[in-house]
Amino acid sequence: MDWGSIAERAGFANARAAQAHWEVALSSDSLASGADITVQDFILLGEMNRRALP
């Protein structure tokens, strides 16, 4: 994956931050229950969070 591009699109400070957040998302309880997340979902969530912040 191109973490630099993902970071830019999702609003993370850098590629390392995007990758760390992705790893947390993959290990979350919601995913353990069978939910599935795609890179596109991850980017959209990042974009929504960025818009919600003042």
PDB file of N, CA and C in Angstrom:
ATOM      1  N   MET A   1       0.842  -1.188   0.000  1.00  0.00           N
ATOM      2  CA  MET A   1       0.000   0.000   0.000  1.00  0.00           C
ATOM      3  C   MET A   1       0.882   1.245   0.000  1.00  0.00           C
ATOM      4  N   ASP A   2       0.399   2.283  -0.594  1.00  0.00           N
ATOM      5  CA  ASP A   2       1.110   3.558  -0.627  1.00  0.00           C
ATOM      6  C   ASP A   2       0.645   4.381   0.573  1.00  0.00           C
ATOM      7  N   TRP A   3       1.324   4.212   1.695  1.00  0.00           N
ATOM      8  CA  TRP A   3       0.896   4.868   2.930  1.00  0.00           C
ATOM      9  C   TRP A   3       0.992   6.387   2.845  1.00  0.00           C
ATOM     10  N   GLY A   4       1.927   6.899   2.060  1.00  0.00           N
ATOM     11  CA  GLY A   4       2.024   8.346   1.890  1.00  0.00           C
ATOM     12  C   GLY A   4       0.774   8.920   1.243  1.00  0.00           C
ATOM     13  N   SER A   5       0.291   8.253   0.204  1.00  0.00           N
ATOM     14  CA  SER A   5      -0.927   8.689  -0.478  1.00  0.00           C
ATOM     15  C   SER A   5      -2.144   8.538   0.435  1.00  0.00           C
ATOM     16  N   ILE A   6      -2.207   7.428   1.144  1.00  0.00           N
ATOM     17  CA  ILE A   6      -3.317   7.205   2.073  1.00  0.00           C
ATOM     18  C   ILE A   6      -3.310   8.273   3.161  1.00  0.00           C
ATOM     19  N   ALA A   7      -2.127   8.574   3.690  1.00  0.00           N
ATOM     20  CA  ALA A   7      -2.015   9.594   4.736  1.00  0.00           C
ATOM     21  C   ALA A   7      -2.508  10.946   4.241  1.00  0.00           C
ATOM     22  N   GLU A   8      -2.106  11.296   3.041  1.00  0.00           N
ATOM     23  CA  GLU A   8      -2.516  12.585   2.468  1.00  0.00           C
ATOM     24  C   GLU A   8      -4.031  12.644   2.284  1.00  0.00           C
ATOM     25  N   ARG A   9      -4.606  11.592   1.730  1.00  0.00           N
ATOM     26  CA  ARG A   9      -6.048  11.582   1.449  1.00  0.00           C
ATOM     27  C   ARG A   9      -6.886  11.497   2.723  1.00  0.00           C
ATOM     28  N   ALA A  10      -6.392  10.781   3.734  1.00  0.00           N
ATOM     29  CA  ALA A  10      -7.168  10.591   4.951  1.00  0.00           C
ATOM     30  C   ALA A  10      -6.866  11.654   6.004  1.00  0.00           C
ATOM     31  N   GLY A  11      -5.863  12.478   5.779  1.00  0.00           N
ATOM     32  CA  GLY A  11      -5.583  13.575   6.690  1.00  0.00           C
ATOM     33  C   GLY A  11      -4.638  13.239   7.826  1.00  0.00           C
ATOM     34  N   PHE A  12      -3.841  12.189   7.675  1.00  0.00           N
ATOM     35  CA  PHE A  12      -2.853  11.869   8.703  1.00  0.00           C
ATOM     36  C   PHE A  12      -1.593  12.685   8.472  1.00  0.00           C
ATOM     37  N   ALA A  13      -0.809  12.859   9.543  1.00  0.00           N
ATOM     38  CA  ALA A  13       0.392  13.688   9.466  1.00  0.00           C
ATOM     39  C   ALA A  13       1.439  13.105   8.516  1.00  0.00           C
ATOM     40  N   ASN A  14       1.519  11.782   8.465  1.00  0.00           N
ATOM     41  CA  ASN A  14       2.519  11.138   7.619  1.00  0.00           C
ATOM     42  C   ASN A  14       2.155   9.669   7.397  1.00  0.00           C
ATOM     43  N   ALA A  15       2.967   9.005   6.590  1.00  0.00           N
ATOM     44  CA  ALA A  15       2.706   7.607   6.247  1.00  0.00           C
ATOM     45  C   ALA A  15       2.739   6.708   7.469  1.00  0.00           C
ATOM     46  N   ARG A  16       3.663   6.955   8.371  1.00  0.00           N
ATOM     47  CA  ARG A  16       3.778   6.125   9.572  1.00  0.00           C
ATOM     48  C   ARG A  16       2.519   6.231  10.439  1.00  0.00           C
ATOM     49  N   ALA A  17       1.971   7.429  10.567  1.00  0.00           N
ATOM     50  CA  ALA A  17       0.746   7.607  11.359  1.00  0.00           C
ATOM     51  C   ALA A  17      -0.428   6.881  10.696  1.00  0.00           C
ATOM     52  N   ALA A  18      -0.526   6.970   9.382  1.00  0.00           N
ATOM     53  CA  ALA A  18      -1.610   6.277   8.681  1.00  0.00           C
ATOM     54  C   ALA A  18      -1.509   4.774   8.872  1.00  0.00           C
ATOM     55  N   GLN A  19      -0.300   4.237   8.756  1.00  0.00           N
ATOM     56  CA  GLN A  19      -0.121   2.799   8.902  1.00  0.00           C
ATOM     57  C   GLN A  19      -0.434   2.354  10.327  1.00  0.00           C
ATOM     58  N   ALA A  20      -0.033   3.132  11.321  1.00  0.00           N
ATOM     59  CA  ALA A  20      -0.324   2.791  12.715  1.00  0.00           C
ATOM     60  C   ALA A  20      -1.831   2.788  12.969  1.00  0.00           C
ATOM     61  N   HIS A  21      -2.532   3.781  12.450  1.00  0.00           N
ATOM     62  CA  HIS A  21      -3.988   3.825  12.621  1.00  0.00           C
ATOM     63  C   HIS A  21      -4.668   2.656  11.902  1.00  0.00           C
ATOM     64  N   TRP A  22      -4.150   2.291  10.745  1.00  0.00           N
ATOM     65  CA  TRP A  22      -4.696   1.145  10.000  1.00  0.00           C
ATOM     66  C   TRP A  22      -4.555  -0.125  10.836  1.00  0.00           C
ATOM     67  N   GLU A  23      -3.388  -0.326  11.445  1.00  0.00           N
ATOM     68  CA  GLU A  23      -3.163  -1.525  12.260  1.00  0.00           C
ATOM     69  C   GLU A  23      -4.105  -1.562  13.458  1.00  0.00           C
ATOM     70  N   VAL A  24      -4.364  -0.411  14.067  1.00  0.00           N
ATOM     71  CA  VAL A  24      -5.322  -0.355  15.169  1.00  0.00           C
ATOM     72  C   VAL A  24      -6.721  -0.678  14.669  1.00  0.00           C
ATOM     73  N   ALA A  25      -7.080  -0.128  13.513  1.00  0.00           N
ATOM     74  CA  ALA A  25      -8.413  -0.406  12.961  1.00  0.00           C
ATOM     75  C   ALA A  25      -8.591  -1.890  12.689  1.00  0.00           C
ATOM     76  N   LEU A  26      -7.564  -2.532  12.180  1.00  0.00           N
ATOM     77  CA  LEU A  26      -7.659  -3.962  11.880  1.00  0.00           C
ATOM     78  C   LEU A  26      -7.773  -4.817  13.133  1.00  0.00           C
ATOM     79  N   SER A  27      -7.244  -4.329  14.249  1.00  0.00           N
ATOM     80  CA  SER A  27      -7.277  -5.120  15.466  1.00  0.00           C
ATOM     81  C   SER A  27      -8.447  -4.751  16.381  1.00  0.00           C
ATOM     82  N   SER A  28      -9.315  -3.848  15.929  1.00  0.00           N
ATOM     83  CA  SER A  28     -10.422  -3.391  16.764  1.00  0.00           C
ATOM     84  C   SER A  28     -11.446  -4.487  17.002  1.00  0.00           C
ATOM     85  N   ASP A  29     -12.213  -4.337  18.045  1.00  0.00           N
ATOM     86  CA  ASP A  29     -13.243  -5.312  18.402  1.00  0.00           C
ATOM     87  C   ASP A  29     -14.295  -5.461  17.308  1.00  0.00           C
ATOM     88  N   SER A  30     -14.623  -4.372  16.615  1.00  0.00           N
ATOM     89  CA  SER A  30     -15.650  -4.462  15.574  1.00  0.00           C
ATOM     90  C   SER A  30     -15.203  -5.393  14.454  1.00  0.00           C
ATOM     91  N   LEU A  31     -13.931  -5.395  14.143  1.00  0.00           N
ATOM     92  CA  LEU A  31     -13.440  -6.285  13.104  1.00  0.00           C
ATOM     93  C   LEU A  31     -13.358  -7.717  13.598  1.00  0.00           C
ATOM     94  N   ALA A  32     -13.099  -7.874  14.884  1.00  0.00           N
ATOM     95  CA  ALA A  32     -13.038  -9.215  15.451  1.00  0.00           C
ATOM     96  C   ALA A  32     -14.404  -9.890  15.379  1.00  0.00           C
ATOM     97  N   SER A  33     -15.458  -9.091  15.345  1.00  0.00           N
ATOM     98  CA  SER A  33     -16.801  -9.662  15.280  1.00  0.00           C
ATOM     99  C   SER A  33     -17.235  -9.981  13.852  1.00  0.00           C
ATOM    100  N   GLY A  34     -16.342  -9.792  12.897  1.00  0.00           N
ATOM    101  CA  GLY A  34     -16.658 -10.161  11.521  1.00  0.00           C
ATOM    102  C   GLY A  34     -16.836  -8.990  10.579  1.00  0.00           C
ATOM    103  N   ALA A  35     -16.746  -7.769  11.085  1.00  0.00           N
ATOM    104  CA  ALA A  35     -16.845  -6.601  10.212  1.00  0.00           C
ATOM    105  C   ALA A  35     -15.624  -6.575   9.294  1.00  0.00           C
ATOM    106  N   ASP A  36     -15.733  -5.886   8.193  1.00  0.00           N
ATOM    107  CA  ASP A  36     -14.640  -5.835   7.236  1.00  0.00           C
ATOM    108  C   ASP A  36     -14.370  -4.371   6.912  1.00  0.00           C
ATOM    109  N   ILE A  37     -13.097  -4.004   6.771  1.00  0.00           N
ATOM    110  CA  ILE A  37     -12.741  -2.635   6.414  1.00  0.00           C
ATOM    111  C   ILE A  37     -11.814  -2.681   5.204  1.00  0.00           C
ATOM    112  N   THR A  38     -12.048  -1.754   4.303  1.00  0.00           N
ATOM    113  CA  THR A  38     -11.188  -1.639   3.132  1.00  0.00           C
ATOM    114  C   THR A  38     -10.364  -0.364   3.262  1.00  0.00           C
ATOM    115  N   VAL A  39      -9.363  -0.234   2.421  1.00  0.00           N
ATOM    116  CA  VAL A  39      -8.562   0.983   2.423  1.00  0.00           C
ATOM    117  C   VAL A  39      -9.448   2.180   2.096  1.00  0.00           C
ATOM    118  N   GLN A  40     -10.385   2.002   1.178  1.00  0.00           N
ATOM    119  CA  GLN A  40     -11.290   3.108   0.828  1.00  0.00           C
ATOM    120  C   GLN A  40     -12.129   3.518   2.036  1.00  0.00           C
ATOM    121  N   ASP A  41     -12.630   2.546   2.803  1.00  0.00           N
ATOM    122  CA  ASP A  41     -13.371   2.863   4.027  1.00  0.00           C
ATOM    123  C   ASP A  41     -12.501   3.666   4.980  1.00  0.00           C
ATOM    124  N   PHE A  42     -11.268   3.229   5.125  1.00  0.00           N
ATOM    125  CA  PHE A  42     -10.314   3.877   6.024  1.00  0.00           C
ATOM    126  C   PHE A  42     -10.069   5.325   5.611  1.00  0.00           C
ATOM    127  N   ILE A  43      -9.888   5.555   4.325  1.00  0.00           N
ATOM    128  CA  ILE A  43      -9.679   6.909   3.818  1.00  0.00           C
ATOM    129  C   ILE A  43     -10.922   7.764   4.052  1.00  0.00           C
ATOM    130  N   LEU A  44     -12.095   7.218   3.779  1.00  0.00           N
ATOM    131  CA  LEU A  44     -13.331   7.977   3.989  1.00  0.00           C
ATOM    132  C   LEU A  44     -13.523   8.337   5.459  1.00  0.00           C
ATOM    133  N   LEU A  45     -13.226   7.410   6.350  1.00  0.00           N
ATOM    134  CA  LEU A  45     -13.331   7.718   7.784  1.00  0.00           C
ATOM    135  C   LEU A  45     -12.367   8.827   8.175  1.00  0.00           C
ATOM    136  N   GLY A  46     -11.159   8.777   7.650  1.00  0.00           N
ATOM    137  CA  GLY A  46     -10.187   9.835   7.919  1.00  0.00           C
ATOM    138  C   GLY A  46     -10.660  11.178   7.415  1.00  0.00           C
ATOM    139  N   GLU A  47     -11.225  11.199   6.201  1.00  0.00           N
ATOM    140  CA  GLU A  47     -11.745  12.443   5.639  1.00  0.00           C
ATOM    141  C   GLU A  47     -12.901  12.986   6.479  1.00  0.00           C
ATOM    142  N   MET A  48     -13.789  12.116   6.924  1.00  0.00           N
ATOM    143  CA  MET A  48     -14.918  12.556   7.762  1.00  0.00           C
ATOM    144  C   MET A  48     -14.414  13.104   9.089  1.00  0.00           C
ATOM    145  N   ASN A  49     -13.448  12.446   9.692  1.00  0.00           N
ATOM    146  CA  ASN A  49     -12.897  12.934  10.956  1.00  0.00           C
ATOM    147  C   ASN A  49     -12.231  14.284  10.783  1.00  0.00           C
ATOM    148  N   ARG A  50     -11.514  14.456   9.692  1.00  0.00           N
ATOM    149  CA  ARG A  50     -10.833  15.731   9.442  1.00  0.00           C
ATOM    150  C   ARG A  50     -11.838  16.858   9.294  1.00  0.00           C
ATOM    151  N   ARG A  51     -12.950  16.608   8.617  1.00  0.00           N
ATOM    152  CA  ARG A  51     -13.982  17.639   8.435  1.00  0.00           C
ATOM    153  C   ARG A  51     -14.698  17.969   9.738  1.00  0.00           C
ATOM    154  N   ALA A  52     -14.791  16.985  10.628  1.00  0.00           N
ATOM    155  CA  ALA A  52     -15.521  17.177  11.881  1.00  0.00           C
ATOM    156  C   ALA A  52     -14.718  17.983  12.894  1.00  0.00           C
ATOM    157  N   LEU A  53     -13.401  18.000  12.749  1.00  0.00           N
ATOM    158  CA  LEU A  53     -12.559  18.733  13.698  1.00  0.00           C
ATOM    159  C   LEU A  53     -12.584  20.220  13.386  1.00  0.00           C
ATOM    160  N   PRO A  54     -12.560  21.037  14.437  1.00  0.00           N
ATOM    161  CA  PRO A  54     -12.555  22.492  14.210  1.00  0.00           C
ATOM    162  C   PRO A  54     -11.270  22.980  13.594  1.00  0.00           C
TER     163      PRO A  54
END
